[in-house]
Protein backbone atom coordinates (compact mmCIF):
# COMPACT_ATOMS: atom_id res chain seq x y z
CA MET A 1 67.54 191.85 -99.51
CA ASN A 2 68.40 189.11 -96.97
CA ILE A 3 70.80 191.26 -94.95
CA LYS A 4 69.52 193.26 -91.98
CA LYS A 5 71.01 195.75 -89.52
CA GLY A 6 73.18 193.96 -86.96
CA ASP A 7 74.13 191.02 -89.22
CA THR A 8 77.78 190.08 -89.68
CA VAL A 9 78.86 190.09 -93.32
CA VAL A 10 81.97 189.26 -95.37
CA VAL A 11 83.02 191.40 -98.35
CA THR A 12 83.28 189.16 -101.42
CA ALA A 13 84.44 191.69 -104.05
CA GLY A 14 86.40 194.91 -104.32
CA ALA A 15 89.34 196.46 -102.50
CA ASP A 16 88.10 195.28 -99.09
CA LYS A 17 87.60 191.65 -100.19
CA GLY A 18 87.81 189.26 -97.23
CA LYS A 19 87.06 191.86 -94.56
CA GLN A 20 84.34 191.11 -92.05
CA GLY A 21 82.10 193.63 -90.30
CA LYS A 22 78.78 194.36 -88.66
CA VAL A 23 76.01 196.03 -90.68
CA LEU A 24 75.33 199.50 -89.26
CA ALA A 25 72.59 200.60 -91.69
CA VAL A 26 70.64 199.24 -94.66
CA TYR A 27 69.45 201.33 -97.62
CA PRO A 28 67.08 199.02 -99.57
CA ALA A 29 66.07 201.63 -102.18
CA LYS A 30 69.72 202.03 -103.21
CA GLN A 31 70.66 198.35 -102.60
CA LYS A 32 73.49 199.50 -100.31
CA LEU A 33 74.74 198.74 -96.80
CA LEU A 34 76.89 200.57 -94.28
CA VAL A 35 79.38 198.07 -92.84
CA GLU A 36 81.65 198.75 -89.85
CA GLY A 37 85.32 199.05 -90.86
CA VAL A 38 84.67 198.53 -94.59
CA GLN A 39 84.82 201.02 -97.50
CA LEU A 40 86.58 203.69 -95.43
CA LYS A 41 86.71 207.12 -97.06
CA THR A 42 88.77 210.13 -95.93
CA HIS A 43 86.85 213.28 -94.98
CA HIS A 44 88.56 216.63 -94.51
CA VAL A 45 87.26 218.23 -91.31
CA LYS A 46 87.58 221.93 -90.60
CA LYS A 47 88.49 223.11 -87.09
CA SER A 48 85.44 223.71 -84.91
CA GLN A 49 84.35 223.57 -81.29
CA GLN A 50 83.33 219.93 -81.64
CA ASN A 51 86.58 219.06 -83.42
CA PRO A 52 89.29 221.51 -82.24
CA ASN A 53 92.12 219.81 -84.17
CA GLY A 54 90.38 219.40 -87.51
CA GLY A 55 92.26 217.22 -89.99
CA LEU A 56 91.40 213.99 -91.75
CA LEU A 57 88.71 211.57 -90.55
CA LYS A 58 88.07 208.05 -91.85
CA LYS A 59 84.36 207.23 -92.22
CA GLU A 60 82.49 204.23 -93.60
CA ALA A 61 80.78 204.73 -96.95
CA PRO A 62 77.90 202.60 -98.26
CA ILE A 63 78.78 199.46 -100.23
CA TYR A 64 76.56 197.63 -102.72
CA SER A 65 74.78 194.62 -101.21
CA CYS A 66 75.86 192.39 -104.11
CA LYS A 67 79.49 192.73 -102.95
CA VAL A 68 78.84 191.23 -99.50
CA SER A 69 77.57 187.92 -98.18
CA LEU A 70 76.28 186.83 -94.78
CA ALA A 71 78.97 185.36 -92.55
CA SER A 72 78.75 182.00 -90.80
CA GLN A 73 79.83 181.55 -87.19
CA GLU A 74 83.27 180.50 -88.47
CA GLY A 75 83.54 183.82 -90.36
CA LYS A 76 83.15 182.37 -93.86
CA ALA A 77 80.76 183.68 -96.53
CA ILE A 78 77.58 181.62 -96.92
CA LYS A 79 74.73 181.45 -99.41
CA VAL A 80 71.22 181.61 -98.00
CA SER A 81 67.70 180.84 -99.18
CA ARG A 82 64.23 181.55 -97.87
CA THR A 83 62.23 178.52 -96.75
CA HIS A 84 58.97 177.84 -94.97
CA HIS A 85 59.59 176.20 -91.58
CA GLN A 86 56.76 174.48 -89.68
CA LYS A 87 57.53 176.02 -86.31
CA ASP A 88 58.89 179.47 -87.22
CA GLY A 89 57.12 180.24 -90.53
CA LYS A 90 59.39 181.79 -93.17
CA VAL A 91 63.07 181.52 -92.25
CA LEU A 92 66.49 182.23 -93.72
CA VAL A 93 68.45 178.98 -94.18
CA ASN A 94 72.11 178.22 -94.93
CA ARG A 95 72.02 176.41 -98.30
CA LYS A 96 74.96 174.13 -97.56
CA THR A 97 74.16 172.94 -94.02
CA GLY A 98 70.40 173.57 -93.82
CA GLU A 99 70.92 175.46 -90.56
CA VAL A 100 68.22 178.05 -89.76
CA ILE A 101 69.82 181.48 -89.48
CA ARG A 102 66.82 183.56 -88.40
CA PRO A 103 63.07 183.99 -89.01
CA ILE A 104 62.00 186.48 -91.67
CA LYS A 105 59.64 189.13 -90.38
CA LYS A 106 57.19 190.83 -92.70
CA SER A 107 58.07 194.45 -93.29
CA VAL A 108 55.37 197.00 -92.58
CA GLU A 109 54.24 198.58 -95.84
CA ALA A 110 53.92 202.37 -95.93
CA LYS A 111 50.45 203.67 -96.75
């Protein structure tokens, strides 16, 4: 998965198509992302000390990673590829412009 926490993405399919948001969490095992302001679901909240009014709360729900794409600086969806760069090693590159988006860090494997 080329998308990491903190990236800005554009929704390319579904009810929220065209919306843009920041990635709050990544769930690689499920191939899902939690994106700010996208895929809002209504939760019924009971009255409590933390929430004295109770009522309905809107919360983000995970969205499949195949329904989003990384966003360019202009806010448009872009396609990316992994390439070996002389200076930075492996990097993520915009396919259309060839612009380097960020270096790819190796993930630490669990033992």
